[in-house]
Amino acid sequence: MNKISNAQLFSVLFSVKAFSLICSGVTADASQMAGAAISIALQFLLAIPMIMLYRHSGFSLKKEMLFGKFGKLLYALFFIIWGAVSFNRLWGVSKSVYFPVDSSLACSVILAAVCLYCASMKFSALSRSSLIISGIFIFTAAILILGAYSKADLANYIPATDFGSIIHNAVRNFCSSGELVMLFILLEFSSADRHRGVTAFFVGSLILTELVYIIEITVLGKIINLTDFPFFTAGAFSQPFSIQRADSLYMISFTLLCVLTVTLQLVLTSVLVKEIVPDLKYNTLLSVILMLGLSALLNSTGADLSPVMGVLIIMLSVVIPVIMLIRRIYNDKKTGADSSNASALRVQS
């Protein structure tokens, strides 16, 4: 994988965040907005140890991964699970919102084939395309805002909430923040001043989340409790053009974000699997098959992986990076002490 710029780091993470946000079936309200703000602020704080770790001279995640190959396997499994969850979100949207393909399974298979092809290209191509995709989504969001401006009713926003609901929504939002784990891996391939891209992502994530929630609340009102995917319903109610509906634009943006999200999981999984089992062929194909299989299982059973994802996110983006940071600081101090002792011996001799 090649180095990526801060703009590319931002666009990749922002696009993945946007996909999970517009696919969310969560009913937005004041407690949801407050909980999301707390969750994103907490994620930003948790990203600080990652940045500190990569600032150490000569640090390489490839060489210093905690638990070695087993640690890399944990991250690969997480990305496979996240890819399956992404496919499951696609299934849900395709069932509830008009999609040009009648079968949800056929839709997933077609998207999987596209993602498999995109994953065969270099990561640099994917990171560059993320700039275009994020730009298309920002344009889509601008169209949504334009249409929502005349339809929004601030009376629909009820600020009443309680502490328990805020904390509950903050935890739920955190359990869907797989971008934090992705960030830890992507920092290996980012530029030296990576903190700028990280800061831009969390600021953009906060603005986007609160903006989407306030549009859903003010435009839909009580109808928001009756819809499966508030973003698309708000888009249907907020038509900025008198002649042409903007629904197709939302679906194009959604499809591009889905392809980017799943492709990125495939690329990261492939990189990690190659380091674990260098001679394994067709690991990308195997990964997408596992994602589709797990997605089908989740769709048929209706299982909720949020608690599992939450535990994995804490372990992979908090516990392991902090342990690695402490170990690196200790080793640097030990190396510095050994160098000082050696210098003192040379002076005495």
Protein backbone atom coordinates (compact mmCIF):
# COMPACT_ATOMS: atom_id res chain seq x y z
CA MET A 1 0.00 0.00 0.00
CA ASN A 2 1.24 3.48 -0.88
CA LYS A 3 1.25 6.56 1.32
CA ILE A 4 -1.97 8.57 1.43
CA SER A 5 -2.33 12.30 1.97
CA ASN A 6 -4.32 13.97 4.74
CA ALA A 7 -7.06 14.85 2.26
CA GLN A 8 -7.31 11.20 1.18
CA LEU A 9 -7.30 9.99 4.79
CA PHE A 10 -10.15 12.38 5.53
CA SER A 11 -12.15 11.47 2.43
CA VAL A 12 -11.83 7.71 3.01
CA LEU A 13 -12.95 7.88 6.64
CA PHE A 14 -15.61 10.51 5.92
CA SER A 15 -17.14 8.39 3.14
CA VAL A 16 -17.29 5.31 5.36
CA LYS A 17 -18.89 7.35 8.14
CA ALA A 18 -21.42 8.80 5.70
CA PHE A 19 -22.41 5.33 4.51
CA SER A 20 -23.10 4.04 8.02
CA LEU A 21 -25.00 7.23 8.86
CA ILE A 22 -27.39 7.23 5.91
CA CYS A 23 -28.02 3.48 6.34
CA SER A 24 -28.90 3.94 9.99
CA GLY A 25 -32.44 3.11 11.04
CA VAL A 26 -32.05 5.04 14.29
CA THR A 27 -34.84 7.48 15.08
CA ALA A 28 -33.18 10.86 15.53
CA ASP A 29 -34.10 13.07 18.48
CA ALA A 30 -32.39 15.42 20.95
CA SER A 31 -30.88 12.59 23.01
CA GLN A 32 -29.58 10.94 19.85
CA MET A 33 -27.90 14.18 18.77
CA ALA A 34 -26.31 14.70 22.20
CA GLY A 35 -25.21 11.07 22.42
CA ALA A 36 -23.61 11.20 18.97
CA ALA A 37 -21.71 14.36 19.91
CA ILE A 38 -20.36 12.71 23.09
CA SER A 39 -19.42 9.56 21.18
CA ILE A 40 -17.53 11.43 18.46
CA ALA A 41 -15.70 13.58 21.04
CA LEU A 42 -14.71 10.40 22.91
CA GLN A 43 -13.49 8.79 19.68
CA PHE A 44 -11.31 11.82 18.99
CA LEU A 45 -9.73 11.50 22.44
CA LEU A 46 -9.18 7.78 21.91
CA ALA A 47 -7.40 8.51 18.63
CA ILE A 48 -4.73 10.55 20.43
CA PRO A 49 -2.75 7.49 21.66
CA MET A 50 -2.72 6.18 18.07
CA ILE A 51 -1.23 9.44 16.79
CA MET A 52 1.31 9.49 19.62
CA LEU A 53 2.33 5.93 18.79
CA TYR A 54 2.97 6.71 15.12
CA ARG A 55 5.02 9.77 16.08
CA HIS A 56 7.70 7.55 17.62
CA SER A 57 10.72 7.34 15.36
CA GLY A 58 10.92 4.18 13.31
CA PHE A 59 7.56 2.81 14.46
CA SER A 60 6.02 0.28 12.08
CA LEU A 61 2.72 -1.44 12.77
CA LYS A 62 3.74 -4.24 10.42
CA LYS A 63 6.74 -5.10 12.61
CA GLU A 64 5.46 -4.17 16.06
CA MET A 65 1.85 -5.42 16.05
CA LEU A 66 0.86 -6.68 19.51
CA PHE A 67 0.55 -10.51 19.54
CA GLY A 68 2.17 -10.62 16.08
CA LYS A 69 0.23 -12.60 13.50
CA PHE A 70 -2.60 -13.30 15.95
CA GLY A 71 -3.09 -9.56 16.44
CA LYS A 72 -3.23 -9.04 12.68
CA LEU A 73 -5.76 -11.87 12.44
CA LEU A 74 -8.02 -10.07 14.94
CA TYR A 75 -8.03 -6.96 12.78
CA ALA A 76 -8.66 -9.00 9.61
CA LEU A 77 -11.63 -10.72 11.27
CA PHE A 78 -13.00 -7.35 12.37
CA PHE A 79 -12.89 -6.01 8.81
CA ILE A 80 -14.63 -9.15 7.53
CA ILE A 81 -17.39 -8.71 10.12
CA TRP A 82 -17.67 -5.02 9.28
CA GLY A 83 -17.89 -5.86 5.58
CA ALA A 84 -20.70 -8.31 6.37
CA VAL A 85 -22.53 -5.63 8.36
CA SER A 86 -22.13 -3.26 5.40
CA PHE A 87 -23.67 -5.83 3.06
CA ASN A 88 -26.47 -6.35 5.57
CA ARG A 89 -27.17 -2.61 5.54
CA LEU A 90 -27.32 -2.76 1.75
CA TRP A 91 -29.87 -5.58 1.98
CA GLY A 92 -32.00 -3.56 4.37
CA VAL A 93 -31.99 -0.44 2.22
CA SER A 94 -32.69 -2.35 -0.99
CA LYS A 95 -35.77 -3.92 0.64
CA SER A 96 -37.22 -0.67 1.99
CA VAL A 97 -36.12 1.85 -0.64
CA TYR A 98 -36.54 1.63 -4.40
CA PHE A 99 -33.51 0.01 -5.99
CA PRO A 100 -33.04 -0.80 -9.69
CA VAL A 101 -32.39 -4.48 -8.83
CA ASP A 102 -35.42 -6.40 -7.56
CA SER A 103 -33.55 -9.11 -5.60
CA SER A 104 -31.57 -8.05 -2.52
CA LEU A 105 -29.33 -11.08 -2.94
CA ALA A 106 -28.64 -10.28 -6.59
CA CYS A 107 -27.92 -6.69 -5.60
CA SER A 108 -25.38 -7.82 -2.99
CA VAL A 109 -23.69 -10.24 -5.38
CA ILE A 110 -23.38 -7.57 -8.07
CA LEU A 111 -21.95 -5.06 -5.58
CA ALA A 112 -19.59 -7.74 -4.24
CA ALA A 113 -18.28 -8.38 -7.75
CA VAL A 114 -17.72 -4.65 -8.27
CA CYS A 115 -15.94 -4.37 -4.92
CA LEU A 116 -13.80 -7.39 -5.73
CA TYR A 117 -12.71 -5.76 -8.99
CA CYS A 118 -11.99 -2.44 -7.26
CA ALA A 119 -9.99 -4.23 -4.55
CA SER A 120 -7.73 -5.70 -7.26
CA MET A 121 -6.54 -2.20 -8.10
CA LYS A 122 -3.91 -0.37 -6.08
CA PHE A 123 -4.86 1.27 -2.81
CA SER A 124 -3.68 4.59 -4.21
CA ALA A 125 -6.44 4.39 -6.83
CA LEU A 126 -9.03 3.72 -4.13
CA SER A 127 -7.80 6.62 -1.99
CA ARG A 128 -7.91 8.98 -4.98
CA SER A 129 -11.42 7.86 -5.91
CA SER A 130 -12.54 8.51 -2.33
CA LEU A 131 -11.96 12.23 -2.98
CA ILE A 132 -14.45 12.09 -5.86
CA ILE A 133 -16.98 9.98 -3.96
CA SER A 134 -16.87 12.18 -0.86
CA GLY A 135 -17.28 15.20 -3.14
CA ILE A 136 -20.37 13.64 -4.74
CA PHE A 137 -21.83 12.94 -1.31
CA ILE A 138 -21.18 16.50 -0.13
CA PHE A 139 -22.97 17.73 -3.26
CA THR A 140 -25.83 15.33 -2.48
CA ALA A 141 -26.00 16.66 1.08
CA ALA A 142 -26.13 20.21 -0.29
CA ILE A 143 -29.11 19.24 -2.49
CA LEU A 144 -30.79 17.69 0.56
CA ILE A 145 -30.24 20.88 2.58
CA LEU A 146 -31.60 22.99 -0.28
CA GLY A 147 -34.76 20.91 -0.42
CA ALA A 148 -35.13 20.66 3.35
CA TYR A 149 -34.84 24.40 3.94
CA SER A 150 -38.43 25.15 2.91
CA LYS A 151 -39.85 21.92 4.35
CA ALA A 152 -38.24 22.07 7.79
CA ASP A 153 -40.29 22.98 10.84
CA LEU A 154 -38.26 23.80 13.95
CA ALA A 155 -41.34 23.08 16.07
CA ASN A 156 -40.67 19.37 15.40
CA TYR A 157 -37.45 19.59 17.41
CA ILE A 158 -38.14 18.85 21.07
CA PRO A 159 -35.03 19.46 23.21
CA ALA A 160 -36.37 17.51 26.20
CA THR A 161 -34.17 14.53 27.08
CA ASP A 162 -32.57 12.77 30.04
CA PHE A 163 -29.09 11.69 31.01
CA GLY A 164 -29.83 7.97 30.70
CA SER A 165 -31.03 8.28 27.12
CA ILE A 166 -28.02 10.37 26.15
CA ILE A 167 -25.57 7.82 27.55
CA HIS A 168 -27.48 4.95 25.91
CA ASN A 169 -27.33 6.67 22.52
CA ALA A 170 -23.66 7.56 23.01
CA VAL A 171 -22.83 3.88 23.63
CA ARG A 172 -24.90 2.78 20.64
CA ASN A 173 -23.19 5.33 18.41
CA PHE A 174 -19.78 4.21 19.63
CA CYS A 175 -20.60 0.58 18.84
CA SER A 176 -21.11 1.57 15.20
CA SER A 177 -17.87 3.57 14.98
CA GLY A 178 -15.74 1.01 13.17
CA GLU A 179 -13.90 3.89 11.51
CA LEU A 180 -11.79 4.11 14.67
CA VAL A 181 -10.29 0.66 14.03
CA MET A 182 -9.78 1.50 10.37
CA LEU A 183 -8.02 4.71 11.39
CA PHE A 184 -5.44 2.76 13.41
CA ILE A 185 -4.47 0.72 10.36
CA LEU A 186 -4.61 3.58 7.87
CA LEU A 187 -2.28 5.74 9.98
CA GLU A 188 0.48 3.32 8.96
CA PHE A 189 0.15 4.61 5.39
CA SER A 190 -0.59 8.28 6.06
CA SER A 191 1.73 11.30 5.88
CA ALA A 192 3.85 12.63 8.75
CA ASP A 193 1.40 15.37 9.77
CA ARG A 194 -1.41 12.83 10.03
CA HIS A 195 -3.05 14.62 12.97
CA ARG A 196 -4.52 17.17 10.53
CA GLY A 197 -6.41 14.53 8.58
CA VAL A 198 -7.60 12.89 11.81
CA THR A 199 -8.85 16.18 13.26
CA ALA A 200 -10.59 17.09 10.00
CA PHE A 201 -12.35 13.72 9.96
CA PHE A 202 -13.79 13.98 13.47
CA VAL A 203 -14.87 17.59 12.97
CA GLY A 204 -16.49 16.67 9.65
CA SER A 205 -18.08 13.59 11.20
CA LEU A 206 -19.64 15.68 13.98
CA ILE A 207 -20.97 18.32 11.58
CA LEU A 208 -22.39 15.72 9.17
CA THR A 209 -24.05 13.65 11.90
CA GLU A 210 -25.74 16.58 13.61
CA LEU A 211 -26.78 18.09 10.28
CA VAL A 212 -28.41 14.87 9.04
CA TYR A 213 -30.19 14.36 12.37
CA ILE A 214 -31.58 17.89 12.50
CA ILE A 215 -32.84 17.60 8.91
CA GLU A 216 -34.55 14.28 9.66
CA ILE A 217 -36.18 15.69 12.81
CA THR A 218 -37.39 19.00 11.39
CA VAL A 219 -38.55 17.66 8.02
CA LEU A 220 -40.21 14.41 9.07
CA GLY A 221 -41.64 15.30 12.48
CA LYS A 222 -43.70 12.41 13.89
CA ILE A 223 -43.38 10.51 10.61
CA ILE A 224 -39.79 9.70 11.58
CA ASN A 225 -41.12 7.01 13.94
CA LEU A 226 -42.77 5.20 11.02
CA THR A 227 -39.83 5.03 8.61
CA ASP A 228 -37.08 2.42 8.47
CA PHE A 229 -34.44 4.70 6.98
CA PRO A 230 -35.03 8.37 7.91
CA PHE A 231 -32.35 9.74 5.58
CA PHE A 232 -34.03 8.46 2.42
CA THR A 233 -37.49 9.42 3.69
CA ALA A 234 -36.28 12.93 4.47
CA GLY A 235 -34.81 13.05 0.96
CA ALA A 236 -38.16 12.02 -0.52
CA PHE A 237 -39.94 14.78 1.42
CA SER A 238 -37.26 17.38 0.57
CA GLN A 239 -37.42 17.67 -3.20
CA PRO A 240 -35.63 20.87 -4.24
CA PHE A 241 -36.68 20.64 -7.89
CA SER A 242 -40.22 21.14 -9.14
CA ILE A 243 -39.68 18.98 -12.23
CA GLN A 244 -37.11 16.29 -11.43
CA ARG A 245 -36.95 14.30 -8.18
CA ALA A 246 -33.57 13.97 -6.49
CA ASP A 247 -34.08 10.36 -5.29
CA SER A 248 -31.80 8.95 -7.99
CA LEU A 249 -28.98 11.21 -6.80
CA TYR A 250 -29.32 9.83 -3.26
CA MET A 251 -29.22 6.25 -4.54
CA ILE A 252 -26.14 6.93 -6.68
CA SER A 253 -24.36 8.45 -3.72
CA PHE A 254 -25.45 5.56 -1.49
CA THR A 255 -24.17 2.97 -4.00
CA LEU A 256 -20.79 4.66 -4.40
CA LEU A 257 -20.36 4.92 -0.63
CA CYS A 258 -21.27 1.24 -0.26
CA VAL A 259 -18.71 0.18 -2.89
CA LEU A 260 -16.01 2.28 -1.28
CA THR A 261 -16.77 0.97 2.22
CA VAL A 262 -16.77 -2.72 1.30
CA THR A 263 -13.78 -2.36 -1.04
CA LEU A 264 -11.77 -0.77 1.73
CA GLN A 265 -12.58 -3.64 4.09
CA LEU A 266 -11.43 -6.07 1.40
CA VAL A 267 -8.18 -4.17 0.78
CA LEU A 268 -7.30 -3.94 4.48
CA THR A 269 -8.20 -7.60 5.03
CA SER A 270 -6.06 -8.62 2.06
CA VAL A 271 -3.06 -6.64 3.34
CA LEU A 272 -3.31 -8.24 6.77
CA VAL A 273 -3.88 -11.77 5.45
CA LYS A 274 -0.84 -11.48 3.16
CA GLU A 275 1.28 -10.66 6.19
CA ILE A 276 -0.15 -13.64 8.10
CA VAL A 277 -0.14 -16.20 5.26
CA PRO A 278 2.01 -14.82 2.39
CA ASP A 279 1.44 -17.84 0.13
CA LEU A 280 -2.37 -17.85 0.39
CA LYS A 281 -3.90 -17.22 -3.04
CA TYR A 282 -7.25 -15.57 -3.76
CA ASN A 283 -7.52 -14.24 -0.21
CA THR A 284 -9.59 -11.27 -1.44
CA LEU A 285 -12.11 -13.60 -3.09
CA LEU A 286 -12.25 -15.70 0.07
CA SER A 287 -12.81 -12.57 2.16
CA VAL A 288 -15.74 -11.33 0.08
CA ILE A 289 -17.34 -14.82 0.18
CA LEU A 290 -17.04 -14.81 3.98
CA MET A 291 -18.57 -11.33 4.11
CA LEU A 292 -21.53 -12.37 1.94
CA GLY A 293 -22.04 -15.60 3.90
CA LEU A 294 -22.00 -13.84 7.26
CA SER A 295 -24.26 -11.11 5.88
CA ALA A 296 -26.79 -13.71 4.72
CA LEU A 297 -26.68 -15.30 8.17
CA LEU A 298 -27.27 -11.96 9.88
CA ASN A 299 -30.12 -11.17 7.50
CA SER A 300 -31.86 -14.50 8.07
CA THR A 301 -31.45 -14.57 11.85
CA GLY A 302 -31.86 -10.86 12.52
CA ALA A 303 -28.92 -10.98 14.91
CA ASP A 304 -27.58 -7.68 16.25
CA LEU A 305 -23.79 -7.54 16.29
CA SER A 306 -23.61 -4.10 17.93
CA PRO A 307 -22.44 -5.45 21.33
CA VAL A 308 -19.81 -7.62 19.64
CA MET A 309 -18.66 -4.73 17.48
CA GLY A 310 -18.46 -2.48 20.53
CA VAL A 311 -16.21 -4.92 22.38
CA LEU A 312 -13.99 -5.38 19.32
CA ILE A 313 -13.73 -1.62 18.76
CA ILE A 314 -12.61 -1.07 22.36
CA MET A 315 -10.08 -3.88 22.16
CA LEU A 316 -8.67 -3.04 18.70
CA SER A 317 -8.74 0.76 18.82
CA VAL A 318 -8.17 1.41 22.53
CA VAL A 319 -6.61 -1.47 24.44
CA ILE A 320 -4.09 -2.71 21.86
CA PRO A 321 -2.89 0.77 20.74
CA VAL A 322 -2.45 1.91 24.37
CA ILE A 323 -0.49 -1.22 25.28
CA MET A 324 1.68 -0.76 22.19
CA LEU A 325 2.26 2.90 23.10
CA ILE A 326 3.29 2.04 26.67
CA ARG A 327 5.60 -0.68 25.39
CA ARG A 328 7.16 1.68 22.84
CA ILE A 329 7.75 4.40 25.47
CA TYR A 330 9.35 1.85 27.80
CA ASN A 331 11.60 0.48 25.05
CA ASP A 332 12.64 3.99 23.97
CA LYS A 333 13.54 4.91 27.54
CA LYS A 334 15.44 1.65 27.97
CA THR A 335 17.31 2.21 24.71
CA GLY A 336 18.13 5.78 25.76
CA ALA A 337 19.38 4.61 29.15
CA ASP A 338 21.54 1.91 27.55
CA SER A 339 23.01 4.49 25.15
CA SER A 340 23.80 6.83 28.04
CA ASN A 341 25.50 4.05 30.00
CA ALA A 342 27.53 3.05 26.95
CA SER A 343 28.62 6.65 26.42
CA ALA A 344 29.64 6.96 30.07
CA LEU A 345 31.76 3.79 29.83
CA ARG A 346 33.50 5.09 26.73
CA VAL A 347 34.33 8.37 28.49
CA GLN A 348 35.74 6.52 31.52
CA SER A 349 37.87 4.30 29.35
